[in-house]
Amino acid sequence: MKSVLRRVFRKRQKVFVVGQNKTGTTTMAMALRALGYKVGDQVAAELLFDDWNEGRFDRIIDLCREADAFQDIPFSLDRTFVEMDKAFPGSKFVLTVRDSPEDWFESLTRFHTKIMGCDGLPTAKDMADFNYRAEGWFLKAHLAILKINEEQIYDRDIYLAHYNAYNQKVIDYFRDRPDDFMLLNVGDDDAAERLCNFLGRPGKLQAMPHENQSKQ
């Protein structure tokens, strides 16, 4: 009986976490697993970055047939939420945010500095040499996502404008669709309760798990 109920649950809806990286997306993946969702393969999804960058979503959509919930690249990027909404009607979309755009920027730069082992902010060369997914992947993806050149890496004003513009675009797209969309700060005291209610799983999660915190 449990296996039957699980298959029905998976078939009913998919969940797309469309908040940008460093807004609690890893926490969301852990929470969704705790709620019984099968979370998609993040490595396989990130390796489809070139598809996203070229506006090709067929393989991304195919990947989404293999699981229930998805987060981070390419689901944290512009246009993907529109294509997933079209491909999987009835899905749930969660836009994760930080306390402020400045808080997001500080978390992003701390995290990048930490994973690349730099004394200060990483340079374009540091990014190009960073062995992640494929040779040069990290730098290429970073420049393409923010639509910047190497001289503009970690320009605070550009990054904050990008963060705000993307979030507003998602909010505007789902305006007047409260059953399909929610805005969530995973650090809020009531985050777990709100998430469970939104997903129709009230009381199934007492608190949000926390992992991947880059703050020292």
Protein backbone atom coordinates (compact mmCIF):
# COMPACT_ATOMS: atom_id res chain seq x y z
CA MET A 1 0.00 0.00 0.00
CA LYS A 2 2.80 2.46 0.87
CA SER A 3 4.46 1.92 -2.50
CA VAL A 4 1.15 2.60 -4.28
CA LEU A 5 0.61 5.81 -2.33
CA ARG A 6 4.17 6.91 -3.08
CA ARG A 7 3.69 6.42 -6.83
CA VAL A 8 0.44 8.42 -6.71
CA PHE A 9 2.15 11.21 -4.76
CA ARG A 10 4.97 11.47 -7.26
CA LYS A 11 2.62 11.54 -10.19
CA ARG A 12 0.50 14.32 -8.69
CA GLN A 13 3.02 17.16 -8.77
CA LYS A 14 6.59 18.22 -9.33
CA VAL A 15 8.36 20.85 -7.28
CA PHE A 16 10.81 23.31 -8.78
CA VAL A 17 12.96 25.38 -6.44
CA VAL A 18 13.73 28.37 -8.63
CA GLY A 19 15.65 30.52 -6.16
CA GLN A 20 19.19 31.44 -7.10
CA ASN A 21 22.16 29.51 -5.78
CA LYS A 22 23.06 30.49 -2.20
CA THR A 23 19.45 31.16 -1.19
CA GLY A 24 18.97 27.92 0.73
CA THR A 25 18.54 25.58 -2.22
CA THR A 26 20.56 22.79 -0.57
CA THR A 27 18.38 23.11 2.51
CA MET A 28 15.34 22.85 0.27
CA ALA A 29 16.66 19.66 -1.33
CA MET A 30 17.07 18.11 2.11
CA ALA A 31 13.61 19.23 3.18
CA LEU A 32 11.99 17.84 0.05
CA ARG A 33 13.70 14.49 0.52
CA ALA A 34 12.40 14.43 4.08
CA LEU A 35 8.90 15.02 2.70
CA GLY A 36 9.18 12.02 0.39
CA TYR A 37 10.17 13.66 -2.87
CA LYS A 38 12.83 12.17 -5.11
CA VAL A 39 15.23 15.05 -5.81
CA GLY A 40 16.77 15.19 -9.27
CA ASP A 41 20.40 14.46 -10.06
CA GLN A 42 22.16 17.81 -9.65
CA VAL A 43 25.31 16.77 -11.52
CA ALA A 44 23.31 15.62 -14.56
CA ALA A 45 21.30 18.85 -14.45
CA GLU A 46 24.35 21.10 -14.28
CA LEU A 47 25.90 19.28 -17.23
CA LEU A 48 22.94 20.54 -19.26
CA PHE A 49 24.02 24.13 -18.74
CA ASP A 50 24.97 24.54 -22.40
CA ASP A 51 21.45 23.46 -23.37
CA TRP A 52 20.02 26.21 -21.15
CA ASN A 53 22.50 28.76 -22.46
CA GLU A 54 21.47 27.98 -26.04
CA GLY A 55 17.75 28.03 -25.22
CA ARG A 56 17.28 24.28 -25.68
CA PHE A 57 15.09 22.68 -23.01
CA ASP A 58 14.21 19.27 -24.44
CA ARG A 59 16.88 17.36 -22.52
CA ILE A 60 16.20 19.35 -19.35
CA ILE A 61 12.53 18.41 -19.59
CA ASP A 62 13.46 14.78 -20.19
CA LEU A 63 15.65 14.83 -17.08
CA CYS A 64 12.71 16.09 -15.05
CA ARG A 65 10.72 12.97 -15.87
CA GLU A 66 13.13 10.99 -13.70
CA ALA A 67 12.41 12.67 -10.35
CA ASP A 68 9.93 14.78 -8.38
CA ALA A 69 11.83 17.88 -7.27
CA PHE A 70 14.63 20.01 -8.66
CA GLN A 71 16.90 22.89 -7.56
CA ASP A 72 20.03 24.80 -8.53
CA ILE A 73 21.34 25.08 -12.11
CA PRO A 74 19.55 25.16 -14.52
CA PHE A 75 16.38 25.51 -12.41
CA SER A 76 17.76 28.59 -10.66
CA LEU A 77 18.24 30.39 -13.97
CA ASP A 78 16.18 32.74 -16.10
CA ARG A 79 13.65 31.20 -18.51
CA THR A 80 13.77 27.72 -16.98
CA PHE A 81 10.78 28.31 -14.70
CA VAL A 82 8.68 29.34 -17.72
CA GLU A 83 9.61 26.23 -19.69
CA MET A 84 9.01 23.91 -16.71
CA ASP A 85 5.63 25.52 -16.09
CA LYS A 86 4.65 24.80 -19.69
CA ALA A 87 6.05 21.25 -19.69
CA PHE A 88 4.64 20.21 -16.31
CA PRO A 89 1.34 22.00 -15.63
CA GLY A 90 0.18 21.77 -12.04
CA SER A 91 3.70 21.86 -10.64
CA LYS A 92 4.73 23.82 -7.57
CA PHE A 93 7.36 26.57 -7.75
CA VAL A 94 9.30 27.90 -4.76
CA LEU A 95 11.38 31.06 -5.04
CA THR A 96 13.90 30.96 -2.20
CA VAL A 97 15.39 34.28 -1.10
CA ARG A 98 17.82 35.62 1.49
CA ASP A 99 17.14 38.31 4.09
CA SER A 100 18.43 40.89 1.62
CA PRO A 101 20.23 41.09 -1.74
CA GLU A 102 23.38 42.14 0.14
CA ASP A 103 23.13 39.03 2.31
CA TRP A 104 22.94 36.88 -0.84
CA PHE A 105 25.98 38.59 -2.39
CA GLU A 106 28.06 38.13 0.77
CA SER A 107 27.10 34.46 0.96
CA LEU A 108 27.95 33.92 -2.71
CA THR A 109 31.37 35.54 -2.47
CA ARG A 110 32.21 33.71 0.79
CA PHE A 111 31.25 30.41 -0.79
CA HIS A 112 33.23 30.96 -3.97
CA THR A 113 36.29 32.08 -2.00
CA LYS A 114 36.03 28.99 0.20
CA ILE A 115 35.55 26.34 -2.48
CA MET A 116 38.36 27.73 -4.65
CA GLY A 117 40.73 28.13 -1.70
CA CYS A 118 41.53 31.77 -2.46
CA ASP A 119 42.95 34.33 -0.04
CA GLY A 120 40.64 36.99 -1.49
CA LEU A 121 37.91 37.14 -4.09
CA PRO A 122 38.56 34.67 -6.91
CA THR A 123 39.84 36.02 -10.20
CA ALA A 124 38.75 34.99 -13.68
CA LYS A 125 41.82 32.74 -13.82
CA ASP A 126 40.88 31.12 -10.50
CA MET A 127 37.43 30.38 -11.91
CA ALA A 128 38.80 29.05 -15.20
CA ASP A 129 41.23 26.76 -13.38
CA PHE A 130 38.66 25.53 -10.85
CA ASN A 131 37.98 21.85 -11.56
CA TYR A 132 34.18 21.68 -11.49
CA ARG A 133 32.02 19.57 -13.84
CA ALA A 134 34.21 20.27 -16.89
CA GLU A 135 37.28 22.29 -17.86
CA GLY A 136 36.41 25.99 -17.77
CA TRP A 137 32.80 25.24 -16.80
CA PHE A 138 32.70 27.42 -13.70
CA LEU A 139 33.92 30.60 -15.36
CA LYS A 140 31.85 30.12 -18.51
CA ALA A 141 28.67 29.48 -16.54
CA HIS A 142 29.26 32.39 -14.19
CA LEU A 143 29.77 34.89 -17.01
CA ALA A 144 26.79 33.61 -18.98
CA ILE A 145 24.37 33.61 -16.04
CA LEU A 146 25.16 37.17 -15.02
CA LYS A 147 25.75 38.40 -18.59
CA ILE A 148 29.07 39.97 -17.63
CA ASN A 149 32.66 40.01 -18.82
CA GLU A 150 35.74 39.05 -16.82
CA GLU A 151 36.38 42.63 -15.69
CA GLN A 152 32.95 42.74 -14.04
CA ILE A 153 33.33 39.65 -11.85
CA TYR A 154 32.09 40.41 -8.32
CA ASP A 155 30.95 43.93 -9.17
CA ARG A 156 28.51 44.34 -6.30
CA ASP A 157 26.07 46.63 -8.10
CA ILE A 158 25.79 44.30 -11.09
CA TYR A 159 25.21 41.26 -8.90
CA LEU A 160 22.59 42.94 -6.74
CA ALA A 161 20.77 44.18 -9.85
CA HIS A 162 20.83 40.66 -11.28
CA TYR A 163 19.47 39.15 -8.06
CA ASN A 164 16.64 41.67 -7.82
CA ALA A 165 15.71 41.54 -11.51
CA TYR A 166 15.54 37.74 -11.60
CA ASN A 167 13.45 37.50 -8.45
CA GLN A 168 11.05 40.16 -9.69
CA LYS A 169 10.68 38.37 -13.02
CA VAL A 170 9.68 35.15 -11.25
CA ILE A 171 7.27 36.97 -8.94
CA ASP A 172 5.65 38.78 -11.84
CA TYR A 173 5.28 35.58 -13.85
CA PHE A 174 3.43 33.77 -11.06
CA ARG A 175 1.43 36.77 -9.91
CA ASP A 176 -2.14 35.77 -8.96
CA ARG A 177 -1.18 32.06 -8.81
CA PRO A 178 -0.82 31.41 -5.05
CA ASP A 179 -1.64 27.72 -5.45
CA ASP A 180 1.36 27.23 -7.74
CA PHE A 181 3.95 29.60 -6.31
CA MET A 182 5.43 30.67 -3.00
CA LEU A 183 8.22 33.00 -1.89
CA LEU A 184 10.26 31.46 0.93
CA ASN A 185 13.15 32.43 3.16
CA VAL A 186 14.34 29.11 4.60
CA GLY A 187 15.74 30.94 7.62
CA ASP A 188 12.33 32.15 8.79
CA ASP A 189 10.94 30.48 11.92
CA ASP A 190 7.80 29.38 10.09
CA ALA A 191 9.52 28.23 6.89
CA ALA A 192 8.90 24.52 7.44
CA GLU A 193 5.25 25.06 8.31
CA ARG A 194 4.64 27.28 5.29
CA LEU A 195 6.41 24.88 2.93
CA CYS A 196 4.43 21.89 4.17
CA ASN A 197 1.14 23.73 3.86
CA PHE A 198 2.01 24.89 0.35
CA LEU A 199 2.81 21.35 -0.74
CA GLY A 200 -0.28 19.89 0.90
CA ARG A 201 1.80 18.07 3.51
CA PRO A 202 0.85 19.89 6.74
CA GLY A 203 2.80 18.93 9.83
CA LYS A 204 5.18 16.60 8.00
CA LEU A 205 8.30 18.68 8.71
CA GLN A 206 8.93 20.32 12.07
CA ALA A 207 11.93 22.45 11.06
CA MET A 208 14.04 23.18 8.01
CA PRO A 209 17.29 21.21 7.85
CA HIS A 210 20.45 23.24 7.33
CA GLU A 211 23.55 22.34 5.37
CA ASN A 212 26.10 23.98 3.10
CA GLN A 213 26.36 27.16 5.16
CA SER A 214 29.28 29.21 3.88
CA LYS A 215 29.40 31.66 6.76
CA GLN A 216 32.51 31.05 8.83
